[in-house]
Amino acid sequence: MNLSGISEPIQLATSISSILNEPEVHLILSVILVKGPSFTLETFEKTLGILTQEPLSTKSGAPRTPGGTFFYLLRATLPKSDLEKIFKPHLQQKNRRRRARKKLQKKFEKLSIASPP
């Protein structure tokens, strides 16, 4: 798959996420912004190569998704400092949502109302 002709980071991230069926487009965009398009494309090509062979498994033995395989390769090859630049903003936002949800659940419990799903 030749995506090397795409010059805009957002278009490249969207194309890669579409091919890998990965909903976290912003994480792929972060990889492009932190490591550059050539590194991202190399990792994408490696991912496609792995997917054509035997797919990687999770710790539980389930097959990894194509996007999960891409991120697994990133975690295996990048230094911790780069991984923090890529994933930290996403994790901070996720933690803020989790804390807000817990706070709301506590309010519902005080009012003896069933919390929303």
PDB file of N, CA and C in Angstrom:
ATOM      1  N   MET A   1       0.842  -1.170   0.000  1.00  0.00           N
ATOM      2  CA  MET A   1       0.000   0.000   0.000  1.00  0.00           C
ATOM      3  C   MET A   1       0.888   1.233   0.000  1.00  0.00           C
ATOM      4  N   ASN A   2       0.689   2.114  -0.935  1.00  0.00           N
ATOM      5  CA  ASN A   2       1.558   3.275  -1.060  1.00  0.00           C
ATOM      6  C   ASN A   2       0.862   4.523  -0.555  1.00  0.00           C
ATOM      7  N   LEU A   3       1.209   4.925   0.652  1.00  0.00           N
ATOM      8  CA  LEU A   3       0.669   6.148   1.236  1.00  0.00           C
ATOM      9  C   LEU A   3       1.721   7.240   1.295  1.00  0.00           C
ATOM     10  N   SER A   4       2.916   6.960   0.780  1.00  0.00           N
ATOM     11  CA  SER A   4       4.028   7.905   0.894  1.00  0.00           C
ATOM     12  C   SER A   4       3.779   9.209   0.151  1.00  0.00           C
ATOM     13  N   GLY A   5       2.842   9.244  -0.772  1.00  0.00           N
ATOM     14  CA  GLY A   5       2.547  10.460  -1.510  1.00  0.00           C
ATOM     15  C   GLY A   5       1.691  11.449  -0.728  1.00  0.00           C
ATOM     16  N   ILE A   6       1.172  11.051   0.403  1.00  0.00           N
ATOM     17  CA  ILE A   6       0.332  11.944   1.209  1.00  0.00           C
ATOM     18  C   ILE A   6       1.232  12.826   2.053  1.00  0.00           C
ATOM     19  N   SER A   7       1.093  14.134   1.900  1.00  0.00           N
ATOM     20  CA  SER A   7       1.992  15.053   2.594  1.00  0.00           C
ATOM     21  C   SER A   7       1.388  15.640   3.873  1.00  0.00           C
ATOM     22  N   GLU A   8       0.090  15.694   3.971  1.00  0.00           N
ATOM     23  CA  GLU A   8      -0.560  16.272   5.145  1.00  0.00           C
ATOM     24  C   GLU A   8      -0.669  15.235   6.266  1.00  0.00           C
ATOM     25  N   PRO A   9      -0.192  15.556   7.470  1.00  0.00           N
ATOM     26  CA  PRO A   9      -0.246  14.604   8.575  1.00  0.00           C
ATOM     27  C   PRO A   9      -1.655  14.100   8.886  1.00  0.00           C
ATOM     28  N   ILE A  10      -2.636  14.986   8.830  1.00  0.00           N
ATOM     29  CA  ILE A  10      -4.008  14.579   9.156  1.00  0.00           C
ATOM     30  C   ILE A  10      -4.532  13.591   8.116  1.00  0.00           C
ATOM     31  N   GLN A  11      -4.257  13.847   6.847  1.00  0.00           N
ATOM     32  CA  GLN A  11      -4.691  12.918   5.798  1.00  0.00           C
ATOM     33  C   GLN A  11      -4.004  11.571   5.950  1.00  0.00           C
ATOM     34  N   LEU A  12      -2.717  11.580   6.274  1.00  0.00           N
ATOM     35  CA  LEU A  12      -1.970  10.340   6.453  1.00  0.00           C
ATOM     36  C   LEU A  12      -2.530   9.555   7.644  1.00  0.00           C
ATOM     37  N   ALA A  13      -2.770  10.249   8.757  1.00  0.00           N
ATOM     38  CA  ALA A  13      -3.324   9.591   9.947  1.00  0.00           C
ATOM     39  C   ALA A  13      -4.698   9.008   9.645  1.00  0.00           C
ATOM     40  N   THR A  14      -5.517   9.740   8.927  1.00  0.00           N
ATOM     41  CA  THR A  14      -6.850   9.271   8.574  1.00  0.00           C
ATOM     42  C   THR A  14      -6.773   8.047   7.661  1.00  0.00           C
ATOM     43  N   SER A  15      -5.870   8.071   6.703  1.00  0.00           N
ATOM     44  CA  SER A  15      -5.712   6.936   5.786  1.00  0.00           C
ATOM     45  C   SER A  15      -5.242   5.690   6.523  1.00  0.00           C
ATOM     46  N   ILE A  16      -4.228   5.852   7.375  1.00  0.00           N
ATOM     47  CA  ILE A  16      -3.710   4.705   8.131  1.00  0.00           C
ATOM     48  C   ILE A  16      -4.786   4.150   9.059  1.00  0.00           C
ATOM     49  N   SER A  17      -5.476   5.031   9.775  1.00  0.00           N
ATOM     50  CA  SER A  17      -6.499   4.554  10.713  1.00  0.00           C
ATOM     51  C   SER A  17      -7.646   3.872   9.982  1.00  0.00           C
ATOM     52  N   SER A  18      -7.956   4.337   8.796  1.00  0.00           N
ATOM     53  CA  SER A  18      -9.014   3.717   8.005  1.00  0.00           C
ATOM     54  C   SER A  18      -8.613   2.310   7.566  1.00  0.00           C
ATOM     55  N   ILE A  19      -7.387   2.167   7.094  1.00  0.00           N
ATOM     56  CA  ILE A  19      -6.908   0.860   6.640  1.00  0.00           C
ATOM     57  C   ILE A  19      -6.801  -0.113   7.810  1.00  0.00           C
ATOM     58  N   LEU A  20      -6.350   0.385   8.964  1.00  0.00           N
ATOM     59  CA  LEU A  20      -6.205  -0.478  10.135  1.00  0.00           C
ATOM     60  C   LEU A  20      -7.501  -0.615  10.932  1.00  0.00           C
ATOM     61  N   ASN A  21      -8.538   0.090  10.494  1.00  0.00           N
ATOM     62  CA  ASN A  21      -9.823   0.080  11.200  1.00  0.00           C
ATOM     63  C   ASN A  21      -9.627   0.499  12.659  1.00  0.00           C
ATOM     64  N   GLU A  22      -8.846   1.573  12.850  1.00  0.00           N
ATOM     65  CA  GLU A  22      -8.501   2.072  14.182  1.00  0.00           C
ATOM     66  C   GLU A  22      -9.253   3.373  14.450  1.00  0.00           C
ATOM     67  N   PRO A  23     -10.117   3.402  15.478  1.00  0.00           N
ATOM     68  CA  PRO A  23     -10.887   4.619  15.751  1.00  0.00           C
ATOM     69  C   PRO A  23     -10.063   5.756  16.363  1.00  0.00           C
ATOM     70  N   GLU A  24      -8.908   5.450  16.957  1.00  0.00           N
ATOM     71  CA  GLU A  24      -8.096   6.462  17.637  1.00  0.00           C
ATOM     72  C   GLU A  24      -7.171   7.184  16.648  1.00  0.00           C
ATOM     73  N   VAL A  25      -7.764   7.933  15.739  1.00  0.00           N
ATOM     74  CA  VAL A  25      -7.007   8.642  14.703  1.00  0.00           C
ATOM     75  C   VAL A  25      -6.024   9.621  15.334  1.00  0.00           C
ATOM     76  N   HIS A  26      -6.438  10.251  16.430  1.00  0.00           N
ATOM     77  CA  HIS A  26      -5.571  11.241  17.072  1.00  0.00           C
ATOM     78  C   HIS A  26      -4.272  10.618  17.587  1.00  0.00           C
ATOM     79  N   LEU A  27      -4.299   9.348  17.976  1.00  0.00           N
ATOM     80  CA  LEU A  27      -3.063   8.693  18.423  1.00  0.00           C
ATOM     81  C   LEU A  27      -2.117   8.465  17.246  1.00  0.00           C
ATOM     82  N   ILE A  28      -2.658   8.085  16.114  1.00  0.00           N
ATOM     83  CA  ILE A  28      -1.820   7.905  14.924  1.00  0.00           C
ATOM     84  C   ILE A  28      -1.260   9.256  14.479  1.00  0.00           C
ATOM     85  N   LEU A  29      -2.067  10.299  14.573  1.00  0.00           N
ATOM     86  CA  LEU A  29      -1.582  11.646  14.262  1.00  0.00           C
ATOM     87  C   LEU A  29      -0.455  12.037  15.217  1.00  0.00           C
ATOM     88  N   SER A  30      -0.584  11.676  16.483  1.00  0.00           N
ATOM     89  CA  SER A  30       0.481  11.962  17.452  1.00  0.00           C
ATOM     90  C   SER A  30       1.779  11.259  17.074  1.00  0.00           C
ATOM     91  N   VAL A  31       1.680  10.029  16.590  1.00  0.00           N
ATOM     92  CA  VAL A  31       2.870   9.299  16.161  1.00  0.00           C
ATOM     93  C   VAL A  31       3.539  10.045  15.012  1.00  0.00           C
ATOM     94  N   ILE A  32       2.736  10.511  14.074  1.00  0.00           N
ATOM     95  CA  ILE A  32       3.273  11.252  12.926  1.00  0.00           C
ATOM     96  C   ILE A  32       3.960  12.530  13.389  1.00  0.00           C
ATOM     97  N   LEU A  33       3.333  13.244  14.324  1.00  0.00           N
ATOM     98  CA  LEU A  33       3.895  14.515  14.785  1.00  0.00           C
ATOM     99  C   LEU A  33       5.146  14.315  15.637  1.00  0.00           C
ATOM    100  N   VAL A  34       5.204  13.217  16.408  1.00  0.00           N
ATOM    101  CA  VAL A  34       6.359  12.971  17.275  1.00  0.00           C
ATOM    102  C   VAL A  34       7.510  12.322  16.517  1.00  0.00           C
ATOM    103  N   LYS A  35       7.220  11.311  15.707  1.00  0.00           N
ATOM    104  CA  LYS A  35       8.279  10.529  15.058  1.00  0.00           C
ATOM    105  C   LYS A  35       8.425  10.801  13.562  1.00  0.00           C
ATOM    106  N   GLY A  36       7.475  11.473  12.976  1.00  0.00           N
ATOM    107  CA  GLY A  36       7.567  11.792  11.559  1.00  0.00           C
ATOM    108  C   GLY A  36       6.826  10.797  10.682  1.00  0.00           C
ATOM    109  N   PRO A  37       6.485  11.239   9.469  1.00  0.00           N
ATOM    110  CA  PRO A  37       5.715  10.382   8.563  1.00  0.00           C
ATOM    111  C   PRO A  37       6.478   9.139   8.109  1.00  0.00           C
ATOM    112  N   SER A  38       7.786   9.246   7.897  1.00  0.00           N
ATOM    113  CA  SER A  38       8.519   8.079   7.387  1.00  0.00           C
ATOM    114  C   SER A  38       8.549   6.956   8.415  1.00  0.00           C
ATOM    115  N   PHE A  39       8.785   7.281   9.696  1.00  0.00           N
ATOM    116  CA  PHE A  39       8.770   6.259  10.736  1.00  0.00           C
ATOM    117  C   PHE A  39       7.372   5.642  10.857  1.00  0.00           C
ATOM    118  N   THR A  40       6.359   6.483  10.791  1.00  0.00           N
ATOM    119  CA  THR A  40       4.982   6.004  10.913  1.00  0.00           C
ATOM    120  C   THR A  40       4.648   5.059   9.765  1.00  0.00           C
ATOM    121  N   LEU A  41       5.054   5.421   8.556  1.00  0.00           N
ATOM    122  CA  LEU A  41       4.804   4.562   7.398  1.00  0.00           C
ATOM    123  C   LEU A  41       5.571   3.246   7.501  1.00  0.00           C
ATOM    124  N   GLU A  42       6.802   3.292   8.002  1.00  0.00           N
ATOM    125  CA  GLU A  42       7.566   2.050   8.195  1.00  0.00           C
ATOM    126  C   GLU A  42       6.851   1.121   9.169  1.00  0.00           C
ATOM    127  N   THR A  43       6.368   1.682  10.275  1.00  0.00           N
ATOM    128  CA  THR A  43       5.656   0.884  11.278  1.00  0.00           C
ATOM    129  C   THR A  43       4.348   0.357  10.697  1.00  0.00           C
ATOM    130  N   PHE A  44       3.693   1.166   9.899  1.00  0.00           N
ATOM    131  CA  PHE A  44       2.448   0.748   9.237  1.00  0.00           C
ATOM    132  C   PHE A  44       2.720  -0.427   8.298  1.00  0.00           C
ATOM    133  N   GLU A  45       3.800  -0.334   7.513  1.00  0.00           N
ATOM    134  CA  GLU A  45       4.158  -1.420   6.595  1.00  0.00           C
ATOM    135  C   GLU A  45       4.502  -2.707   7.362  1.00  0.00           C
ATOM    136  N   LYS A  46       5.227  -2.574   8.474  1.00  0.00           N
ATOM    137  CA  LYS A  46       5.531  -3.737   9.307  1.00  0.00           C
ATOM    138  C   LYS A  46       4.243  -4.365   9.840  1.00  0.00           C
ATOM    139  N   THR A  47       3.315  -3.509  10.231  1.00  0.00           N
ATOM    140  CA  THR A  47       2.019  -3.988  10.739  1.00  0.00           C
ATOM    141  C   THR A  47       1.298  -4.796   9.673  1.00  0.00           C
ATOM    142  N   LEU A  48       1.260  -4.267   8.454  1.00  0.00           N
ATOM    143  CA  LEU A  48       0.594  -4.982   7.364  1.00  0.00           C
ATOM    144  C   LEU A  48       1.280  -6.320   7.098  1.00  0.00           C
ATOM    145  N   GLY A  49       2.615  -6.342   7.189  1.00  0.00           N
ATOM    146  CA  GLY A  49       3.356  -7.580   6.998  1.00  0.00           C
ATOM    147  C   GLY A  49       2.996  -8.622   8.046  1.00  0.00           C
ATOM    148  N   ILE A  50       2.887  -8.186   9.282  1.00  0.00           N
ATOM    149  CA  ILE A  50       2.510  -9.106  10.362  1.00  0.00           C
ATOM    150  C   ILE A  50       1.090  -9.610  10.163  1.00  0.00           C
ATOM    151  N   LEU A  51       0.206  -8.719   9.744  1.00  0.00           N
ATOM    152  CA  LEU A  51      -1.202  -9.096   9.579  1.00  0.00           C
ATOM    153  C   LEU A  51      -1.405 -10.103   8.448  1.00  0.00           C
ATOM    154  N   THR A  52      -0.526 -10.094   7.435  1.00  0.00           N
ATOM    155  CA  THR A  52      -0.662 -11.060   6.351  1.00  0.00           C
ATOM    156  C   THR A  52      -0.163 -12.437   6.767  1.00  0.00           C
ATOM    157  N   GLN A  53       0.678 -12.462   7.813  1.00  0.00           N
ATOM    158  CA  GLN A  53       1.140 -13.739   8.348  1.00  0.00           C
ATOM    159  C   GLN A  53       0.208 -14.145   9.484  1.00  0.00           C
ATOM    160  N   GLU A  54       0.760 -14.638  10.548  1.00  0.00           N
ATOM    161  CA  GLU A  54      -0.035 -15.012  11.712  1.00  0.00           C
ATOM    162  C   GLU A  54      -0.199 -13.793  12.610  1.00  0.00           C
ATOM    163  N   PRO A  55      -1.432 -13.392  12.937  1.00  0.00           N
ATOM    164  CA  PRO A  55      -1.624 -12.193  13.754  1.00  0.00           C
ATOM    165  C   PRO A  55      -1.056 -12.368  15.161  1.00  0.00           C
ATOM    166  N   LEU A  56      -0.627 -11.244  15.755  1.00  0.00           N
ATOM    167  CA  LEU A  56      -0.143 -11.260  17.127  1.00  0.00           C
ATOM    168  C   LEU A  56      -1.306 -11.505  18.076  1.00  0.00           C
ATOM    169  N   SER A  57      -0.999 -12.026  19.251  1.00  0.00           N
ATOM    170  CA  SER A  57      -2.032 -12.296  20.256  1.00  0.00           C
ATOM    171  C   SER A  57      -1.851 -11.376  21.446  1.00  0.00           C
ATOM    172  N   THR A  58      -2.947 -11.147  22.149  1.00  0.00           N
ATOM    173  CA  THR A  58      -2.887 -10.411  23.402  1.00  0.00           C
ATOM    174  C   THR A  58      -2.443 -11.372  24.496  1.00  0.00           C
ATOM    175  N   LYS A  59      -2.285 -10.862  25.709  1.00  0.00           N
ATOM    176  CA  LYS A  59      -1.891 -11.722  26.826  1.00  0.00           C
ATOM    177  C   LYS A  59      -2.926 -12.816  27.076  1.00  0.00           C
ATOM    178  N   SER A  60      -4.177 -12.526  26.810  1.00  0.00           N
ATOM    179  CA  SER A  60      -5.236 -13.512  27.043  1.00  0.00           C
ATOM    180  C   SER A  60      -5.344 -14.530  25.915  1.00  0.00           C
ATOM    181  N   GLY A  61      -4.596 -14.319  24.834  1.00  0.00           N
ATOM    182  CA  GLY A  61      -4.608 -15.264  23.718  1.00  0.00           C
ATOM    183  C   GLY A  61      -5.494 -14.848  22.555  1.00  0.00           C
ATOM    184  N   ALA A  62      -6.260 -13.782  22.735  1.00  0.00           N
ATOM    185  CA  ALA A  62      -7.118 -13.293  21.647  1.00  0.00           C
ATOM    186  C   ALA A  62      -6.245 -12.610  20.595  1.00  0.00           C
ATOM    187  N   PRO A  63      -6.641 -12.673  19.333  1.00  0.00           N
ATOM    188  CA  PRO A  63      -5.841 -11.997  18.301  1.00  0.00           C
ATOM    189  C   PRO A  63      -5.917 -10.476  18.458  1.00  0.00           C
ATOM    190  N   ARG A  64      -4.798  -9.817  18.242  1.00  0.00           N
ATOM    191  CA  ARG A  64      -4.774  -8.350  18.299  1.00  0.00           C
ATOM    192  C   ARG A  64      -5.475  -7.777  17.078  1.00  0.00           C
ATOM    193  N   THR A  65      -6.099  -6.646  17.277  1.00  0.00           N
ATOM    194  CA  THR A  65      -6.703  -5.939  16.153  1.00  0.00           C
ATOM    195  C   THR A  65      -5.575  -5.357  15.304  1.00  0.00           C
ATOM    196  N   PRO A  66      -5.848  -4.970  14.065  1.00  0.00           N
ATOM    197  CA  PRO A  66      -4.796  -4.337  13.255  1.00  0.00           C
ATOM    198  C   PRO A  66      -4.219  -3.082  13.926  1.00  0.00           C
ATOM    199  N   GLY A  67      -5.087  -2.243  14.472  1.00  0.00           N
ATOM    200  CA  GLY A  67      -4.602  -1.056  15.180  1.00  0.00           C
ATOM    201  C   GLY A  67      -3.818  -1.427  16.424  1.00  0.00           C
ATOM    202  N   GLY A  68      -4.274  -2.448  17.134  1.00  0.00           N
ATOM    203  CA  GLY A  68      -3.561  -2.921  18.316  1.00  0.00           C
ATOM    204  C   GLY A  68      -2.176  -3.434  17.972  1.00  0.00           C
ATOM    205  N   THR A  69      -2.049  -4.078  16.818  1.00  0.00           N
ATOM    206  CA  THR A  69      -0.750  -4.550  16.354  1.00  0.00           C
ATOM    207  C   THR A  69       0.168  -3.365  16.068  1.00  0.00           C
ATOM    208  N   PHE A  70      -0.364  -2.320  15.444  1.00  0.00           N
ATOM    209  CA  PHE A  70       0.401  -1.105  15.154  1.00  0.00           C
ATOM    210  C   PHE A  70       0.936  -0.494  16.450  1.00  0.00           C
ATOM    211  N   PHE A  71       0.067  -0.341  17.452  1.00  0.00           N
ATOM    212  CA  PHE A  71       0.487   0.264  18.711  1.00  0.00           C
ATOM    213  C   PHE A  71       1.423  -0.658  19.500  1.00  0.00           C
ATOM    214  N   TYR A  72       1.247  -1.958  19.371  1.00  0.00           N
ATOM    215  CA  TYR A  72       2.149  -2.917  20.007  1.00  0.00           C
ATOM    216  C   TYR A  72       3.566  -2.748  19.453  1.00  0.00           C
ATOM    217  N   LEU A  73       3.675  -2.608  18.135  1.00  0.00           N
ATOM    218  CA  LEU A  73       4.984  -2.396  17.516  1.00  0.00           C
ATOM    219  C   LEU A  73       5.614  -1.085  17.992  1.00  0.00           C
ATOM    220  N   LEU A  74       4.791  -0.056  18.146  1.00  0.00           N
ATOM    221  CA  LEU A  74       5.315   1.219  18.654  1.00  0.00           C
ATOM    222  C   LEU A  74       5.893   1.043  20.047  1.00  0.00           C
ATOM    223  N   ARG A  75       5.129   0.391  20.908  1.00  0.00           N
ATOM    224  CA  ARG A  75       5.585   0.207  22.291  1.00  0.00           C
ATOM    225  C   ARG A  75       6.855  -0.642  22.354  1.00  0.00           C
ATOM    226  N   ALA A  76       7.011  -1.548  21.405  1.00  0.00           N
ATOM    227  CA  ALA A  76       8.181  -2.423  21.402  1.00  0.00           C
ATOM    228  C   ALA A  76       9.432  -1.722  20.865  1.00  0.00           C
ATOM    229  N   THR A  77       9.268  -0.669  20.074  1.00  0.00           N
ATOM    230  CA  THR A  77      10.423  -0.054  19.418  1.00  0.00           C
ATOM    231  C   THR A  77      10.786   1.340  19.928  1.00  0.00           C
ATOM    232  N   LEU A  78       9.826   2.082  20.454  1.00  0.00           N
ATOM    233  CA  LEU A  78      10.104   3.467  20.831  1.00  0.00           C
ATOM    234  C   LEU A  78      10.592   3.586  22.273  1.00  0.00           C
ATOM    235  N   PRO A  79      11.444   4.575  22.540  1.00  0.00           N
ATOM    236  CA  PRO A  79      11.847   4.832  23.927  1.00  0.00           C
ATOM    237  C   PRO A  79      10.673   5.403  24.722  1.00  0.00           C
ATOM    238  N   LYS A  80      10.763   5.281  26.034  1.00  0.00           N
ATOM    239  CA  LYS A  80       9.681   5.718  26.923  1.00  0.00           C
ATOM    240  C   LYS A  80       9.348   7.197  26.729  1.00  0.00           C
ATOM    241  N   SER A  81      10.346   8.015  26.482  1.00  0.00           N
ATOM    242  CA  SER A  81      10.109   9.454  26.318  1.00  0.00           C
ATOM    243  C   SER A  81       9.198   9.738  25.121  1.00  0.00           C
ATOM    244  N   ASP A  82       9.409   9.016  24.026  1.00  0.00           N
ATOM    245  CA  ASP A  82       8.544   9.199  22.856  1.00  0.00           C
ATOM    246  C   ASP A  82       7.138   8.662  23.119  1.00  0.00           C
ATOM    247  N   LEU A  83       7.060   7.529  23.801  1.00  0.00           N
ATOM    248  CA  LEU A  83       5.747   6.958  24.112  1.00  0.00           C
ATOM    249  C   LEU A  83       4.934   7.904  24.987  1.00  0.00           C
ATOM    250  N   GLU A  84       5.585   8.565  25.929  1.00  0.00           N
ATOM    251  CA  GLU A  84       4.877   9.523  26.781  1.00  0.00           C
ATOM    252  C   GLU A  84       4.340  10.688  25.960  1.00  0.00           C
ATOM    253  N   LYS A  85       5.137  11.164  25.006  1.00  0.00           N
ATOM    254  CA  LYS A  85       4.683  12.270  24.163  1.00  0.00           C
ATOM    255  C   LYS A  85       3.459  11.864  23.342  1.00  0.00           C
ATOM    256  N   ILE A  86       3.427  10.616  22.929  1.00  0.00           N
ATOM    257  CA  ILE A  86       2.324  10.135  22.087  1.00  0.00           C
ATOM    258  C   ILE A  86       1.082   9.833  22.911  1.00  0.00           C
ATOM    259  N   PHE A  87       1.245   9.091  23.999  1.00  0.00           N
ATOM    260  CA  PHE A  87       0.091   8.569  24.728  1.00  0.00           C
ATOM    261  C   PHE A  87      -0.350   9.393  25.933  1.00  0.00           C
ATOM    262  N   LYS A  88       0.533  10.199  26.519  1.00  0.00           N
ATOM    263  CA  LYS A  88       0.186  10.908  27.749  1.00  0.00           C
ATOM    264  C   LYS A  88      -1.027  11.828  27.609  1.00  0.00           C
ATOM    265  N   PRO A  89      -1.121  12.661  26.567  1.00  0.00           N
ATOM    266  CA  PRO A  89      -2.316  13.514  26.451  1.00  0.00           C
ATOM    267  C   PRO A  89      -3.609  12.696  26.375  1.00  0.00           C
ATOM    268  N   HIS A  90      -3.565  11.573  25.670  1.00  0.00           N
ATOM    269  CA  HIS A  90      -4.745  10.713  25.554  1.00  0.00           C
ATOM    270  C   HIS A  90      -5.123  10.131  26.914  1.00  0.00           C
ATOM    271  N   LEU A  91      -4.130   9.663  27.664  1.00  0.00           N
ATOM    272  CA  LEU A  91      -4.392   9.069  28.972  1.00  0.00           C
ATOM    273  C   LEU A  91      -4.884  10.105  29.968  1.00  0.00           C
ATOM    274  N   GLN A  92      -4.359  11.322  29.895  1.00  0.00           N
ATOM    275  CA  GLN A  92      -4.823  12.384  30.790  1.00  0.00           C
ATOM    276  C   GLN A  92      -6.293  12.699  30.544  1.00  0.00           C
ATOM    277  N   GLN A  93      -6.679  12.769  29.281  1.00  0.00           N
ATOM    278  CA  GLN A  93      -8.078  13.045  28.951  1.00  0.00           C
ATOM    279  C   GLN A  93      -8.970  11.895  29.416  1.00  0.00           C
ATOM    280  N   LYS A  94      -8.516  10.679  29.215  1.00  0.00           N
ATOM    281  CA  LYS A  94      -9.277   9.505  29.633  1.00  0.00           C
ATOM    282  C   LYS A  94      -9.458   9.497  31.158  1.00  0.00           C
ATOM    283  N   ASN A  95      -8.402   9.839  31.896  1.00  0.00           N
ATOM    284  CA  ASN A  95      -8.483   9.879  33.350  1.00  0.00           C
ATOM    285  C   ASN A  95      -9.409  10.988  33.839  1.00  0.00           C
ATOM    286  N   ARG A  96      -9.404  12.149  33.157  1.00  0.00           N
ATOM    287  CA  ARG A  96     -10.326  13.232  33.527  1.00  0.00           C
ATOM    288  C   ARG A  96     -11.772  12.779  33.370  1.00  0.00           C
ATOM    289  N   ARG A  97     -12.070  12.085  32.274  1.00  0.00           N
ATOM    290  CA  ARG A  97     -13.435  11.588  32.058  1.00  0.00           C
ATOM    291  C   ARG A  97     -13.818  10.566  33.123  1.00  0.00           C
ATOM    292  N   ARG A  98     -12.880   9.689  33.471  1.00  0.00           N
ATOM    293  CA  ARG A  98     -13.146   8.661  34.485  1.00  0.00           C
ATOM    294  C   ARG A  98     -13.428   9.306  35.842  1.00  0.00           C
ATOM    295  N   ARG A  99     -12.626  10.316  36.222  1.00  0.00           N
ATOM    296  CA  ARG A  99     -12.850  10.993  37.512  1.00  0.00           C
ATOM    297  C   ARG A  99     -14.189  11.715  37.521  1.00  0.00           C
ATOM    298  N   ALA A 100     -14.546  12.355  36.422  1.00  0.00           N
ATOM    299  CA  ALA A 100     -15.829  13.049  36.346  1.00  0.00           C
ATOM    300  C   ALA A 100     -16.987  12.064  36.456  1.00  0.00           C
ATOM    301  N   ARG A 101     -16.845  10.907  35.819  1.00  0.00           N
ATOM    302  CA  ARG A 101     -17.898   9.887  35.877  1.00  0.00           C
ATOM    303  C   ARG A 101     -18.058   9.358  37.310  1.00  0.00           C
ATOM    304  N   LYS A 102     -16.940   9.118  38.007  1.00  0.00           N
ATOM    305  CA  LYS A 102     -17.006   8.641  39.391  1.00  0.00           C
ATOM    306  C   LYS A 102     -17.646   9.684  40.303  1.00  0.00           C
ATOM    307  N   LYS A 103     -17.296  10.931  40.088  1.00  0.00           N
ATOM    308  CA  LYS A 103     -17.860  12.017  40.890  1.00  0.00           C
ATOM    309  C   LYS A 103     -19.374  12.083  40.698  1.00  0.00           C
ATOM    310  N   LEU A 104     -19.811  11.925  39.465  1.00  0.00           N
ATOM    311  CA  LEU A 104     -21.238  11.943  39.167  1.00  0.00           C
ATOM    312  C   LEU A 104     -21.945  10.743  39.787  1.00  0.00           C
ATOM    313  N   GLN A 105     -21.301   9.578  39.748  1.00  0.00           N
ATOM    314  CA  GLN A 105     -21.896   8.385  40.355  1.00  0.00           C
ATOM    315  C   GLN A 105     -22.070   8.561  41.859  1.00  0.00           C
ATOM    316  N   LYS A 106     -21.101   9.190  42.519  1.00  0.00           N
ATOM    317  CA  LYS A 106     -21.208   9.437  43.957  1.00  0.00           C
ATOM    318  C   LYS A 106     -22.382  10.358  44.262  1.00  0.00           C
ATOM    319  N   LYS A 107     -22.595  11.369  43.427  1.00  0.00           N
ATOM    320  CA  LYS A 107     -23.724  12.267  43.629  1.00  0.00           C
ATOM    321  C   LYS A 107     -25.049  11.521  43.493  1.00  0.00           C
ATOM    322  N   PHE A 108     -25.132  10.637  42.503  1.00  0.00           N
ATOM    323  CA  PHE A 108     -26.341   9.845  42.326  1.00  0.00           C
ATOM    324  C   PHE A 108     -26.573   8.929  43.519  1.00  0.00           C
ATOM    325  N   GLU A 109     -25.494   8.341  44.045  1.00  0.00           N
ATOM    326  CA  GLU A 109     -25.614   7.451  45.201  1.00  0.00           C
ATOM    327  C   GLU A 109     -26.136   8.211  46.415  1.00  0.00           C
ATOM    328  N   LYS A 110     -25.665   9.446  46.621  1.00  0.00           N
ATOM    329  CA  LYS A 110     -26.132  10.259  47.743  1.00  0.00           C
ATOM    330  C   LYS A 110     -27.623  10.569  47.615  1.00  0.00           C
ATOM    331  N   LEU A 111     -28.065  10.730  46.410  1.00  0.00           N
ATOM    332  CA  LEU A 111     -29.477  11.045  46.172  1.00  0.00           C
ATOM    333  C   LEU A 111     -30.343   9.801  46.076  1.00  0.00           C
ATOM    334  N   SER A 112     -29.719   8.641  46.194  1.00  0.00           N
ATOM    335  CA  SER A 112     -30.414   7.344  46.069  1.00  0.00           C
ATOM    336  C   SER A 112     -31.113   7.182  44.736  1.00  0.00           C
ATOM    337  N   ILE A 113     -30.427   7.609  43.711  1.00  0.00           N
ATOM    338  CA  ILE A 113     -30.946   7.481  42.350  1.00  0.00           C
ATOM    339  C   ILE A 113     -30.016   6.547  41.600  1.00  0.00           C
ATOM    340  N   ALA A 114     -30.565   5.714  40.775  1.00  0.00           N
ATOM    341  CA  ALA A 114     -29.739   4.814  39.981  1.00  0.00           C
ATOM    342  C   ALA A 114     -28.902   5.644  39.019  1.00  0.00           C
ATOM    343  N   SER A 115     -27.632   5.347  38.958  1.00  0.00           N
ATOM    344  CA  SER A 115     -26.745   6.113  38.072  1.00  0.00           C
ATOM    345  C   SER A 115     -26.963   5.715  36.631  1.00  0.00           C
ATOM    346  N   PRO A 116     -26.722   6.655  35.724  1.00  0.00           N
ATOM    347  CA  PRO A 116     -26.869   6.328  34.286  1.00  0.00           C
ATOM    348  C   PRO A 116     -25.792   5.351  33.844  1.00  0.00           C
ATOM    349  N   PRO A 117     -26.053   4.637  32.761  1.00  0.00           N
ATOM    350  CA  PRO A 117     -25.082   3.632  32.281  1.00  0.00           C
ATOM    351  C   PRO A 117     -23.785   4.233  31.830  1.00  0.00           C
TER     352      PRO A 117
END
